[in-house]
């Protein structure tokens, strides 16, 4: 809970500088829920497609997709990159998992 999660996201549509403030203040989703303040890092943006990293500290149902939709863009690709200080294992295939090491568990608890 309240641990920062980093996602890489690709969207159809243009991410704009004005979206940075909206995300920082807490996006209001279609059901009226106001998300906690988050951070958006635009990597590449054009009228047709944009790429960004988004950092959130909560995890509501499909939250990143819903946040992007509220900005007027649709997610075409989404990948979680890290949870807190734990960088997710790139060698794992889709659907695979592994147990955390003792060192990783200690990092997460601190």
PDB file of N, CA and C in Angstrom:
ATOM      1  N   UNK A   1       0.854  -1.183   0.000  1.00  0.00           N
ATOM      2  CA  UNK A   1       0.000   0.000   0.000  1.00  0.00           C
ATOM      3  C   UNK A   1       0.891   1.234   0.000  1.00  0.00           C
ATOM      4  N   UNK A   2       0.514   2.212  -0.787  1.00  0.00           N
ATOM      5  CA  UNK A   2       1.240   3.469  -0.906  1.00  0.00           C
ATOM      6  C   UNK A   2       2.673   3.316  -1.399  1.00  0.00           C
ATOM      7  N   UNK A   3       2.953   2.210  -2.060  1.00  0.00           N
ATOM      8  CA  UNK A   3       4.266   1.999  -2.664  1.00  0.00           C
ATOM      9  C   UNK A   3       4.177   2.439  -4.121  1.00  0.00           C
ATOM     10  N   UNK A   4       5.172   3.199  -4.566  1.00  0.00           N
ATOM     11  CA  UNK A   4       5.148   3.684  -5.945  1.00  0.00           C
ATOM     12  C   UNK A   4       5.351   2.546  -6.940  1.00  0.00           C
ATOM     13  N   UNK A   5       4.490   2.528  -7.945  1.00  0.00           N
ATOM     14  CA  UNK A   5       4.584   1.551  -9.027  1.00  0.00           C
ATOM     15  C   UNK A   5       4.842   2.317 -10.317  1.00  0.00           C
ATOM     16  N   UNK A   6       5.792   1.825 -11.099  1.00  0.00           N
ATOM     17  CA  UNK A   6       6.144   2.480 -12.355  1.00  0.00           C
ATOM     18  C   UNK A   6       5.650   1.630 -13.509  1.00  0.00           C
ATOM     19  N   UNK A   7       4.954   2.270 -14.448  1.00  0.00           N
ATOM     20  CA  UNK A   7       4.438   1.600 -15.635  1.00  0.00           C
ATOM     21  C   UNK A   7       4.943   2.311 -16.887  1.00  0.00           C
ATOM     22  N   UNK A   8       5.196   1.528 -17.916  1.00  0.00           N
ATOM     23  CA  UNK A   8       5.455   2.059 -19.254  1.00  0.00           C
ATOM     24  C   UNK A   8       4.143   1.930 -20.003  1.00  0.00           C
ATOM     25  N   UNK A   9       3.718   3.000 -20.666  1.00  0.00           N
ATOM     26  CA  UNK A   9       2.434   2.988 -21.351  1.00  0.00           C
ATOM     27  C   UNK A   9       2.568   3.584 -22.749  1.00  0.00           C
ATOM     28  N   UNK A  10       1.895   2.967 -23.708  1.00  0.00           N
ATOM     29  CA  UNK A  10       1.766   3.512 -25.051  1.00  0.00           C
ATOM     30  C   UNK A  10       0.283   3.759 -25.274  1.00  0.00           C
ATOM     31  N   UNK A  11      -0.020   4.912 -25.852  1.00  0.00           N
ATOM     32  CA  UNK A  11      -1.418   5.283 -26.060  1.00  0.00           C
ATOM     33  C   UNK A  11      -1.640   5.752 -27.485  1.00  0.00           C
ATOM     34  N   UNK A  12      -2.878   5.607 -27.940  1.00  0.00           N
ATOM     35  CA  UNK A  12      -3.260   6.212 -29.217  1.00  0.00           C
ATOM     36  C   UNK A  12      -3.787   7.597 -28.871  1.00  0.00           C
ATOM     37  N   UNK A  13      -3.152   8.587 -29.413  1.00  0.00           N
ATOM     38  CA  UNK A  13      -3.498   9.961 -29.106  1.00  0.00           C
ATOM     39  C   UNK A  13      -2.292  10.692 -28.552  1.00  0.00           C
ATOM     40  N   UNK A  14      -2.457  11.976 -28.360  1.00  0.00           N
ATOM     41  CA  UNK A  14      -1.344  12.822 -27.953  1.00  0.00           C
ATOM     42  C   UNK A  14      -1.379  13.135 -26.460  1.00  0.00           C
ATOM     43  N   UNK A  15      -0.275  12.849 -25.778  1.00  0.00           N
ATOM     44  CA  UNK A  15      -0.110  13.288 -24.397  1.00  0.00           C
ATOM     45  C   UNK A  15       0.504  14.689 -24.440  1.00  0.00           C
ATOM     46  N   UNK A  16      -0.068  15.606 -23.662  1.00  0.00           N
ATOM     47  CA  UNK A  16       0.348  17.005 -23.703  1.00  0.00           C
ATOM     48  C   UNK A  16       0.880  17.442 -22.335  1.00  0.00           C
ATOM     49  N   UNK A  17       1.612  18.543 -22.331  1.00  0.00           N
ATOM     50  CA  UNK A  17       2.152  19.070 -21.072  1.00  0.00           C
ATOM     51  C   UNK A  17       1.052  19.360 -20.055  1.00  0.00           C
ATOM     52  N   UNK A  18      -0.123  19.747 -20.519  1.00  0.00           N
ATOM     53  CA  UNK A  18      -1.233  20.030 -19.591  1.00  0.00           C
ATOM     54  C   UNK A  18      -1.662  18.771 -18.831  1.00  0.00           C
ATOM     55  N   UNK A  19      -1.410  17.604 -19.406  1.00  0.00           N
ATOM     56  CA  UNK A  19      -1.751  16.348 -18.738  1.00  0.00           C
ATOM     57  C   UNK A  19      -0.874  16.106 -17.504  1.00  0.00           C
ATOM     58  N   UNK A  20       0.343  16.652 -17.514  1.00  0.00           N
ATOM     59  CA  UNK A  20       1.253  16.478 -16.378  1.00  0.00           C
ATOM     60  C   UNK A  20       0.617  17.032 -15.104  1.00  0.00           C
ATOM     61  N   UNK A  21       0.011  18.206 -15.208  1.00  0.00           N
ATOM     62  CA  UNK A  21      -0.622  18.841 -14.049  1.00  0.00           C
ATOM     63  C   UNK A  21      -1.858  18.062 -13.596  1.00  0.00           C
ATOM     64  N   UNK A  22      -2.649  17.614 -14.549  1.00  0.00           N
ATOM     65  CA  UNK A  22      -3.869  16.863 -14.225  1.00  0.00           C
ATOM     66  C   UNK A  22      -3.511  15.597 -13.445  1.00  0.00           C
ATOM     67  N   UNK A  23      -2.503  14.877 -13.920  1.00  0.00           N
ATOM     68  CA  UNK A  23      -2.061  13.648 -13.250  1.00  0.00           C
ATOM     69  C   UNK A  23      -1.504  13.984 -11.863  1.00  0.00           C
ATOM     70  N   UNK A  24      -0.728  15.046 -11.778  1.00  0.00           N
ATOM     71  CA  UNK A  24      -0.098  15.439 -10.511  1.00  0.00           C
ATOM     72  C   UNK A  24      -1.140  15.808  -9.456  1.00  0.00           C
ATOM     73  N   UNK A  25      -2.250  16.397  -9.900  1.00  0.00           N
ATOM     74  CA  UNK A  25      -3.302  16.816  -8.967  1.00  0.00           C
ATOM     75  C   UNK A  25      -4.258  15.685  -8.600  1.00  0.00           C
ATOM     76  N   UNK A  26      -4.252  14.617  -9.368  1.00  0.00           N
ATOM     77  CA  UNK A  26      -5.150  13.492  -9.110  1.00  0.00           C
ATOM     78  C   UNK A  26      -6.294  13.467 -10.090  1.00  0.00           C
ATOM     79  N   UNK A  27      -6.227  12.551 -11.024  1.00  0.00           N
ATOM     80  CA  UNK A  27      -7.236  12.412 -12.076  1.00  0.00           C
ATOM     81  C   UNK A  27      -8.572  11.974 -11.471  1.00  0.00           C
ATOM     82  N   UNK A  28      -9.645  12.517 -12.007  1.00  0.00           N
ATOM     83  CA  UNK A  28     -10.982  12.056 -11.613  1.00  0.00           C
ATOM     84  C   UNK A  28     -11.445  11.060 -12.668  1.00  0.00           C
ATOM     85  N   UNK A  29     -11.732   9.825 -12.224  1.00  0.00           N
ATOM     86  CA  UNK A  29     -12.149   8.759 -13.137  1.00  0.00           C
ATOM     87  C   UNK A  29     -13.630   8.890 -13.481  1.00  0.00           C
ATOM     88  N   UNK A  30     -14.075   8.080 -14.431  1.00  0.00           N
ATOM     89  CA  UNK A  30     -15.448   8.167 -14.932  1.00  0.00           C
ATOM     90  C   UNK A  30     -16.495   7.893 -13.859  1.00  0.00           C
ATOM     91  N   UNK A  31     -16.115   7.173 -12.790  1.00  0.00           N
ATOM     92  CA  UNK A  31     -17.070   6.890 -11.714  1.00  0.00           C
ATOM     93  C   UNK A  31     -17.023   7.942 -10.605  1.00  0.00           C
ATOM     94  N   UNK A  32     -16.234   9.015 -10.827  1.00  0.00           N
ATOM     95  CA  UNK A  32     -16.145  10.097  -9.856  1.00  0.00           C
ATOM     96  C   UNK A  32     -15.016   9.951  -8.853  1.00  0.00           C
ATOM     97  N   UNK A  33     -14.324   8.815  -8.849  1.00  0.00           N
ATOM     98  CA  UNK A  33     -13.219   8.596  -7.916  1.00  0.00           C
ATOM     99  C   UNK A  33     -12.032   9.478  -8.293  1.00  0.00           C
ATOM    100  N   UNK A  34     -11.479  10.182  -7.317  1.00  0.00           N
ATOM    101  CA  UNK A  34     -10.272  10.980  -7.548  1.00  0.00           C
ATOM    102  C   UNK A  34      -9.063  10.149  -7.139  1.00  0.00           C
ATOM    103  N   UNK A  35      -8.194   9.895  -8.113  1.00  0.00           N
ATOM    104  CA  UNK A  35      -6.966   9.138  -7.855  1.00  0.00           C
ATOM    105  C   UNK A  35      -6.012   9.973  -7.007  1.00  0.00           C
ATOM    106  N   UNK A  36      -5.156   9.278  -6.293  1.00  0.00           N
ATOM    107  CA  UNK A  36      -4.103   9.969  -5.562  1.00  0.00           C
ATOM    108  C   UNK A  36      -3.195  10.657  -6.578  1.00  0.00           C
ATOM    109  N   UNK A  37      -2.525  11.725  -6.147  1.00  0.00           N
ATOM    110  CA  UNK A  37      -1.581  12.384  -7.060  1.00  0.00           C
ATOM    111  C   UNK A  37      -0.578  11.373  -7.617  1.00  0.00           C
ATOM    112  N   UNK A  38      -0.272  11.517  -8.881  1.00  0.00           N
ATOM    113  CA  UNK A  38       0.646  10.609  -9.566  1.00  0.00           C
ATOM    114  C   UNK A  38       1.623  11.451 -10.380  1.00  0.00           C
ATOM    115  N   UNK A  39       2.491  10.758 -11.095  1.00  0.00           N
ATOM    116  CA  UNK A  39       3.494  11.455 -11.893  1.00  0.00           C
ATOM    117  C   UNK A  39       3.510  10.866 -13.290  1.00  0.00           C
ATOM    118  N   UNK A  40       3.556  11.722 -14.286  1.00  0.00           N
ATOM    119  CA  UNK A  40       3.601  11.311 -15.685  1.00  0.00           C
ATOM    120  C   UNK A  40       4.886  11.844 -16.299  1.00  0.00           C
ATOM    121  N   UNK A  41       5.597  10.967 -16.975  1.00  0.00           N
ATOM    122  CA  UNK A  41       6.839  11.330 -17.658  1.00  0.00           C
ATOM    123  C   UNK A  41       6.642  11.017 -19.139  1.00  0.00           C
ATOM    124  N   UNK A  42       6.425  12.037 -19.951  1.00  0.00           N
ATOM    125  CA  UNK A  42       6.181  11.843 -21.375  1.00  0.00           C
ATOM    126  C   UNK A  42       7.508  11.558 -22.069  1.00  0.00           C
ATOM    127  N   UNK A  43       7.596  10.409 -22.732  1.00  0.00           N
ATOM    128  CA  UNK A  43       8.822  10.014 -23.425  1.00  0.00           C
ATOM    129  C   UNK A  43       8.803  10.435 -24.888  1.00  0.00           C
ATOM    130  N   UNK A  44       7.626  10.317 -25.508  1.00  0.00           N
ATOM    131  CA  UNK A  44       7.461  10.657 -26.922  1.00  0.00           C
ATOM    132  C   UNK A  44       5.983  10.949 -27.138  1.00  0.00           C
ATOM    133  N   UNK A  45       5.691  12.016 -27.846  1.00  0.00           N
ATOM    134  CA  UNK A  45       4.294  12.366 -28.044  1.00  0.00           C
ATOM    135  C   UNK A  45       4.071  12.927 -29.442  1.00  0.00           C
ATOM    136  N   UNK A  46       3.042  12.407 -30.080  1.00  0.00           N
ATOM    137  CA  UNK A  46       2.622  12.928 -31.369  1.00  0.00           C
ATOM    138  C   UNK A  46       1.105  12.819 -31.424  1.00  0.00           C
ATOM    139  N   UNK A  47       0.525  13.370 -32.456  1.00  0.00           N
ATOM    140  CA  UNK A  47      -0.926  13.361 -32.581  1.00  0.00           C
ATOM    141  C   UNK A  47      -1.500  11.947 -32.600  1.00  0.00           C
ATOM    142  N   UNK A  48      -0.761  11.019 -33.216  1.00  0.00           N
ATOM    143  CA  UNK A  48      -1.280   9.660 -33.364  1.00  0.00           C
ATOM    144  C   UNK A  48      -0.979   8.732 -32.204  1.00  0.00           C
ATOM    145  N   UNK A  49       0.228   8.805 -31.675  1.00  0.00           N
ATOM    146  CA  UNK A  49       0.649   7.888 -30.616  1.00  0.00           C
ATOM    147  C   UNK A  49       1.606   8.585 -29.657  1.00  0.00           C
ATOM    148  N   UNK A  50       1.576   8.143 -28.403  1.00  0.00           N
ATOM    149  CA  UNK A  50       2.471   8.696 -27.396  1.00  0.00           C
ATOM    150  C   UNK A  50       2.988   7.572 -26.513  1.00  0.00           C
ATOM    151  N   UNK A  51       4.155   7.822 -25.907  1.00  0.00           N
ATOM    152  CA  UNK A  51       4.777   6.875 -24.981  1.00  0.00           C
ATOM    153  C   UNK A  51       5.132   7.622 -23.712  1.00  0.00           C
ATOM    154  N   UNK A  52       4.943   6.949 -22.565  1.00  0.00           N
ATOM    155  CA  UNK A  52       5.220   7.624 -21.301  1.00  0.00           C
ATOM    156  C   UNK A  52       5.481   6.604 -20.203  1.00  0.00           C
ATOM    157  N   UNK A  53       6.043   7.094 -19.119  1.00  0.00           N
ATOM    158  CA  UNK A  53       6.104   6.351 -17.868  1.00  0.00           C
ATOM    159  C   UNK A  53       5.119   7.031 -16.930  1.00  0.00           C
ATOM    160  N   UNK A  54       4.381   6.241 -16.178  1.00  0.00           N
ATOM    161  CA  UNK A  54       3.465   6.795 -15.186  1.00  0.00           C
ATOM    162  C   UNK A  54       3.763   6.123 -13.855  1.00  0.00           C
ATOM    163  N   UNK A  55       3.747   6.920 -12.804  1.00  0.00           N
ATOM    164  CA  UNK A  55       4.083   6.462 -11.461  1.00  0.00           C
ATOM    165  C   UNK A  55       2.857   6.671 -10.578  1.00  0.00           C
ATOM    166  N   UNK A  56       2.329   5.581 -10.002  1.00  0.00           N
ATOM    167  CA  UNK A  56       1.147   5.668  -9.142  1.00  0.00           C
ATOM    168  C   UNK A  56       1.452   5.005  -7.801  1.00  0.00           C
ATOM    169  N   UNK A  57       0.688   5.378  -6.771  1.00  0.00           N
ATOM    170  CA  UNK A  57       0.890   4.787  -5.443  1.00  0.00           C
ATOM    171  C   UNK A  57      -0.322   4.005  -4.960  1.00  0.00           C
ATOM    172  N   UNK A  58      -1.233   3.745  -5.854  1.00  0.00           N
ATOM    173  CA  UNK A  58      -2.392   2.913  -5.530  1.00  0.00           C
ATOM    174  C   UNK A  58      -2.624   1.977  -6.699  1.00  0.00           C
ATOM    175  N   UNK A  59      -3.593   1.127  -6.626  1.00  0.00           N
ATOM    176  CA  UNK A  59      -3.811   0.174  -7.707  1.00  0.00           C
ATOM    177  C   UNK A  59      -5.273  -0.205  -7.845  1.00  0.00           C
ATOM    178  N   UNK A  60      -6.077   0.754  -8.180  1.00  0.00           N
ATOM    179  CA  UNK A  60      -7.497   0.476  -8.410  1.00  0.00           C
ATOM    180  C   UNK A  60      -7.651  -0.338  -9.697  1.00  0.00           C
ATOM    181  N   UNK A  61      -8.808  -0.940  -9.886  1.00  0.00           N
ATOM    182  CA  UNK A  61      -9.106  -1.793 -11.036  1.00  0.00           C
ATOM    183  C   UNK A  61      -8.794  -1.066 -12.343  1.00  0.00           C
ATOM    184  N   UNK A  62      -7.826  -1.580 -13.111  1.00  0.00           N
ATOM    185  CA  UNK A  62      -7.419  -1.005 -14.402  1.00  0.00           C
ATOM    186  C   UNK A  62      -7.158   0.497 -14.308  1.00  0.00           C
ATOM    187  N   UNK A  63      -6.550   0.907 -13.216  1.00  0.00           N
ATOM    188  CA  UNK A  63      -6.400   2.335 -12.935  1.00  0.00           C
ATOM    189  C   UNK A  63      -5.656   3.099 -14.020  1.00  0.00           C
ATOM    190  N   UNK A  64      -4.521   2.590 -14.475  1.00  0.00           N
ATOM    191  CA  UNK A  64      -3.740   3.339 -15.471  1.00  0.00           C
ATOM    192  C   UNK A  64      -4.559   3.512 -16.753  1.00  0.00           C
ATOM    193  N   UNK A  65      -5.216   2.462 -17.196  1.00  0.00           N
ATOM    194  CA  UNK A  65      -6.042   2.561 -18.402  1.00  0.00           C
ATOM    195  C   UNK A  65      -7.161   3.587 -18.216  1.00  0.00           C
ATOM    196  N   UNK A  66      -7.770   3.583 -17.043  1.00  0.00           N
ATOM    197  CA  UNK A  66      -8.860   4.518 -16.769  1.00  0.00           C
ATOM    198  C   UNK A  66      -8.347   5.950 -16.652  1.00  0.00           C
ATOM    199  N   UNK A  67      -7.167   6.117 -16.092  1.00  0.00           N
ATOM    200  CA  UNK A  67      -6.572   7.454 -15.987  1.00  0.00           C
ATOM    201  C   UNK A  67      -6.281   8.009 -17.380  1.00  0.00           C
ATOM    202  N   UNK A  68      -5.717   7.181 -18.232  1.00  0.00           N
ATOM    203  CA  UNK A  68      -5.399   7.623 -19.591  1.00  0.00           C
ATOM    204  C   UNK A  68      -6.672   7.966 -20.362  1.00  0.00           C
ATOM    205  N   UNK A  69      -7.706   7.153 -20.172  1.00  0.00           N
ATOM    206  CA  UNK A  69      -8.979   7.411 -20.849  1.00  0.00           C
ATOM    207  C   UNK A  69      -9.546   8.771 -20.431  1.00  0.00           C
ATOM    208  N   UNK A  70      -9.384   9.117 -19.162  1.00  0.00           N
ATOM    209  CA  UNK A  70      -9.889  10.405 -18.694  1.00  0.00           C
ATOM    210  C   UNK A  70      -9.121  11.575 -19.321  1.00  0.00           C
ATOM    211  N   UNK A  71      -7.906  11.307 -19.826  1.00  0.00           N
ATOM    212  CA  UNK A  71      -7.121  12.330 -20.528  1.00  0.00           C
ATOM    213  C   UNK A  71      -7.467  12.387 -22.015  1.00  0.00           C
ATOM    214  N   UNK A  72      -8.320  11.451 -22.471  1.00  0.00           N
ATOM    215  CA  UNK A  72      -8.743  11.447 -23.865  1.00  0.00           C
ATOM    216  C   UNK A  72      -7.883  10.594 -24.777  1.00  0.00           C
ATOM    217  N   UNK A  73      -7.093   9.691 -24.183  1.00  0.00           N
ATOM    218  CA  UNK A  73      -6.271   8.774 -24.978  1.00  0.00           C
ATOM    219  C   UNK A  73      -6.553   7.348 -24.533  1.00  0.00           C
ATOM    220  N   UNK A  74      -6.315   6.382 -25.420  1.00  0.00           N
ATOM    221  CA  UNK A  74      -6.560   4.978 -25.109  1.00  0.00           C
ATOM    222  C   UNK A  74      -5.254   4.200 -25.060  1.00  0.00           C
ATOM    223  N   UNK A  75      -5.115   3.360 -24.049  1.00  0.00           N
ATOM    224  CA  UNK A  75      -3.910   2.551 -23.872  1.00  0.00           C
ATOM    225  C   UNK A  75      -3.869   1.453 -24.928  1.00  0.00           C
ATOM    226  N   UNK A  76      -2.733   1.345 -25.614  1.00  0.00           N
ATOM    227  CA  UNK A  76      -2.527   0.273 -26.582  1.00  0.00           C
ATOM    228  C   UNK A  76      -1.512  -0.746 -26.065  1.00  0.00           C
ATOM    229  N   UNK A  77      -0.688  -0.342 -25.091  1.00  0.00           N
ATOM    230  CA  UNK A  77       0.310  -1.238 -24.491  1.00  0.00           C
ATOM    231  C   UNK A  77       0.607  -0.743 -23.082  1.00  0.00           C
ATOM    232  N   UNK A  78       0.699  -1.674 -22.137  1.00  0.00           N
ATOM    233  CA  UNK A  78       0.960  -1.315 -20.748  1.00  0.00           C
ATOM    234  C   UNK A  78       1.842  -2.387 -20.118  1.00  0.00           C
ATOM    235  N   UNK A  79       2.881  -1.942 -19.421  1.00  0.00           N
ATOM    236  CA  UNK A  79       3.779  -2.885 -18.757  1.00  0.00           C
ATOM    237  C   UNK A  79       4.251  -2.293 -17.441  1.00  0.00           C
ATOM    238  N   UNK A  80       4.094  -3.046 -16.344  1.00  0.00           N
ATOM    239  CA  UNK A  80       4.615  -2.607 -15.059  1.00  0.00           C
ATOM    240  C   UNK A  80       6.115  -2.843 -15.056  1.00  0.00           C
ATOM    241  N   UNK A  81       6.871  -1.820 -14.650  1.00  0.00           N
ATOM    242  CA  UNK A  81       8.325  -1.913 -14.649  1.00  0.00           C
ATOM    243  C   UNK A  81       8.906  -2.114 -13.256  1.00  0.00           C
ATOM    244  N   UNK A  82       8.267  -1.515 -12.263  1.00  0.00           N
ATOM    245  CA  UNK A  82       8.804  -1.650 -10.910  1.00  0.00           C
ATOM    246  C   UNK A  82       7.727  -1.420  -9.869  1.00  0.00           C
ATOM    247  N   UNK A  83       8.006  -1.961  -8.689  1.00  0.00           N
ATOM    248  CA  UNK A  83       7.174  -1.746  -7.508  1.00  0.00           C
ATOM    249  C   UNK A  83       8.132  -1.315  -6.416  1.00  0.00           C
ATOM    250  N   UNK A  84       8.033  -0.057  -6.012  1.00  0.00           N
ATOM    251  CA  UNK A  84       8.992   0.474  -5.051  1.00  0.00           C
ATOM    252  C   UNK A  84      10.395   0.370  -5.624  1.00  0.00           C
ATOM    253  N   UNK A  85      11.312  -0.155  -4.841  1.00  0.00           N
ATOM    254  CA  UNK A  85      12.695  -0.300  -5.286  1.00  0.00           C
ATOM    255  C   UNK A  85      12.924  -1.593  -6.065  1.00  0.00           C
ATOM    256  N   UNK A  86      11.893  -2.410  -6.179  1.00  0.00           N
ATOM    257  CA  UNK A  86      12.008  -3.706  -6.848  1.00  0.00           C
ATOM    258  C   UNK A  86      11.731  -3.551  -8.345  1.00  0.00           C
ATOM    259  N   UNK A  87      12.763  -3.748  -9.155  1.00  0.00           N
ATOM    260  CA  UNK A  87      12.612  -3.710 -10.612  1.00  0.00           C
ATOM    261  C   UNK A  87      12.185  -5.104 -11.053  1.00  0.00           C
ATOM    262  N   UNK A  88      11.132  -5.176 -11.838  1.00  0.00           N
ATOM    263  CA  UNK A  88      10.594  -6.477 -12.225  1.00  0.00           C
ATOM    264  C   UNK A  88      11.520  -7.192 -13.193  1.00  0.00           C
ATOM    265  N   UNK A  89      11.564  -8.496 -13.058  1.00  0.00           N
ATOM    266  CA  UNK A  89      12.492  -9.372 -13.777  1.00  0.00           C
ATOM    267  C   UNK A  89      12.131  -9.449 -15.263  1.00  0.00           C
ATOM    268  N   UNK A  90      13.002  -8.921 -16.108  1.00  0.00           N
ATOM    269  CA  UNK A  90      12.781  -8.904 -17.566  1.00  0.00           C
ATOM    270  C   UNK A  90      12.828 -10.296 -18.185  1.00  0.00           C
ATOM    271  N   UNK A  91      13.466 -11.256 -17.502  1.00  0.00           N
ATOM    272  CA  UNK A  91      13.615 -12.590 -18.085  1.00  0.00           C
ATOM    273  C   UNK A  91      12.341 -13.429 -17.973  1.00  0.00           C
ATOM    274  N   UNK A  92      11.388 -12.992 -17.175  1.00  0.00           N
ATOM    275  CA  UNK A  92      10.140 -13.750 -17.027  1.00  0.00           C
ATOM    276  C   UNK A  92       9.264 -13.585 -18.258  1.00  0.00           C
ATOM    277  N   UNK A  93       8.697 -14.693 -18.684  1.00  0.00           N
ATOM    278  CA  UNK A  93       7.766 -14.656 -19.804  1.00  0.00           C
ATOM    279  C   UNK A  93       6.388 -14.253 -19.291  1.00  0.00           C
ATOM    280  N   UNK A  94       5.516 -13.877 -20.201  1.00  0.00           N
ATOM    281  CA  UNK A  94       4.158 -13.479 -19.853  1.00  0.00           C
ATOM    282  C   UNK A  94       3.488 -14.572 -19.021  1.00  0.00           C
ATOM    283  N   UNK A  95       2.982 -14.218 -17.853  1.00  0.00           N
ATOM    284  CA  UNK A  95       2.293 -15.166 -16.978  1.00  0.00           C
ATOM    285  C   UNK A  95       3.210 -15.900 -16.013  1.00  0.00           C
ATOM    286  N   UNK A  96       4.519 -15.809 -16.199  1.00  0.00           N
ATOM    287  CA  UNK A  96       5.465 -16.474 -15.298  1.00  0.00           C
ATOM    288  C   UNK A  96       5.683 -15.637 -14.046  1.00  0.00           C
ATOM    289  N   UNK A  97       6.160 -16.294 -13.008  1.00  0.00           N
ATOM    290  CA  UNK A  97       6.513 -15.598 -11.782  1.00  0.00           C
ATOM    291  C   UNK A  97       7.685 -16.313 -11.128  1.00  0.00           C
ATOM    292  N   UNK A  98       8.270 -15.656 -10.145  1.00  0.00           N
ATOM    293  CA  UNK A  98       9.300 -16.267  -9.324  1.00  0.00           C
ATOM    294  C   UNK A  98       9.166 -15.696  -7.927  1.00  0.00           C
ATOM    295  N   UNK A  99       9.681 -16.430  -6.957  1.00  0.00           N
ATOM    296  CA  UNK A  99       9.643 -15.953  -5.586  1.00  0.00           C
ATOM    297  C   UNK A  99      10.703 -14.881  -5.390  1.00  0.00           C
ATOM    298  N   UNK A 100      10.427 -13.947  -4.503  1.00  0.00           N
ATOM    299  CA  UNK A 100      11.382 -12.894  -4.193  1.00  0.00           C
ATOM    300  C   UNK A 100      12.518 -13.464  -3.347  1.00  0.00           C
ATOM    301  N   UNK A 101      13.689 -12.897  -3.537  1.00  0.00           N
ATOM    302  CA  UNK A 101      14.834 -13.290  -2.715  1.00  0.00           C
ATOM    303  C   UNK A 101      14.709 -12.598  -1.357  1.00  0.00           C
ATOM    304  N   UNK A 102      15.467 -13.066  -0.374  1.00  0.00           N
ATOM    305  CA  UNK A 102      15.467 -12.432   0.943  1.00  0.00           C
ATOM    306  C   UNK A 102      15.864 -10.962   0.841  1.00  0.00           C
ATOM    307  N   UNK A 103      16.858 -10.680  -0.005  1.00  0.00           N
ATOM    308  CA  UNK A 103      17.329  -9.309  -0.186  1.00  0.00           C
ATOM    309  C   UNK A 103      16.225  -8.431  -0.776  1.00  0.00           C
ATOM    310  N   UNK A 104      15.480  -8.940  -1.749  1.00  0.00           N
ATOM    311  CA  UNK A 104      14.379  -8.180  -2.361  1.00  0.00           C
ATOM    312  C   UNK A 104      13.273  -7.908  -1.341  1.00  0.00           C
ATOM    313  N   UNK A 105      12.973  -8.904  -0.519  1.00  0.00           N
ATOM    314  CA  UNK A 105      11.949  -8.724   0.527  1.00  0.00           C
ATOM    315  C   UNK A 105      12.360  -7.635   1.521  1.00  0.00           C
ATOM    316  N   UNK A 106      13.630  -7.633   1.910  1.00  0.00           N
ATOM    317  CA  UNK A 106      14.131  -6.615   2.834  1.00  0.00           C
ATOM    318  C   UNK A 106      14.026  -5.229   2.222  1.00  0.00           C
ATOM    319  N   UNK A 107      14.381  -5.113   0.916  1.00  0.00           N
ATOM    320  CA  UNK A 107      14.291  -3.819   0.224  1.00  0.00           C
ATOM    321  C   UNK A 107      12.854  -3.300   0.239  1.00  0.00           C
ATOM    322  N   UNK A 108      11.909  -4.188  -0.030  1.00  0.00           N
ATOM    323  CA  UNK A 108      10.503  -3.775  -0.078  1.00  0.00           C
ATOM    324  C   UNK A 108       9.996  -3.317   1.277  1.00  0.00           C
ATOM    325  N   UNK A 109      10.450  -3.965   2.330  1.00  0.00           N
ATOM    326  CA  UNK A 109       9.969  -3.632   3.675  1.00  0.00           C
ATOM    327  C   UNK A 109      10.550  -2.331   4.192  1.00  0.00           C
ATOM    328  N   UNK A 110      11.666  -1.894   3.615  1.00  0.00           N
ATOM    329  CA  UNK A 110      12.291  -0.636   4.060  1.00  0.00           C
ATOM    330  C   UNK A 110      11.714   0.512   3.351  1.00  0.00           C
TER     331      UNK A 110
END
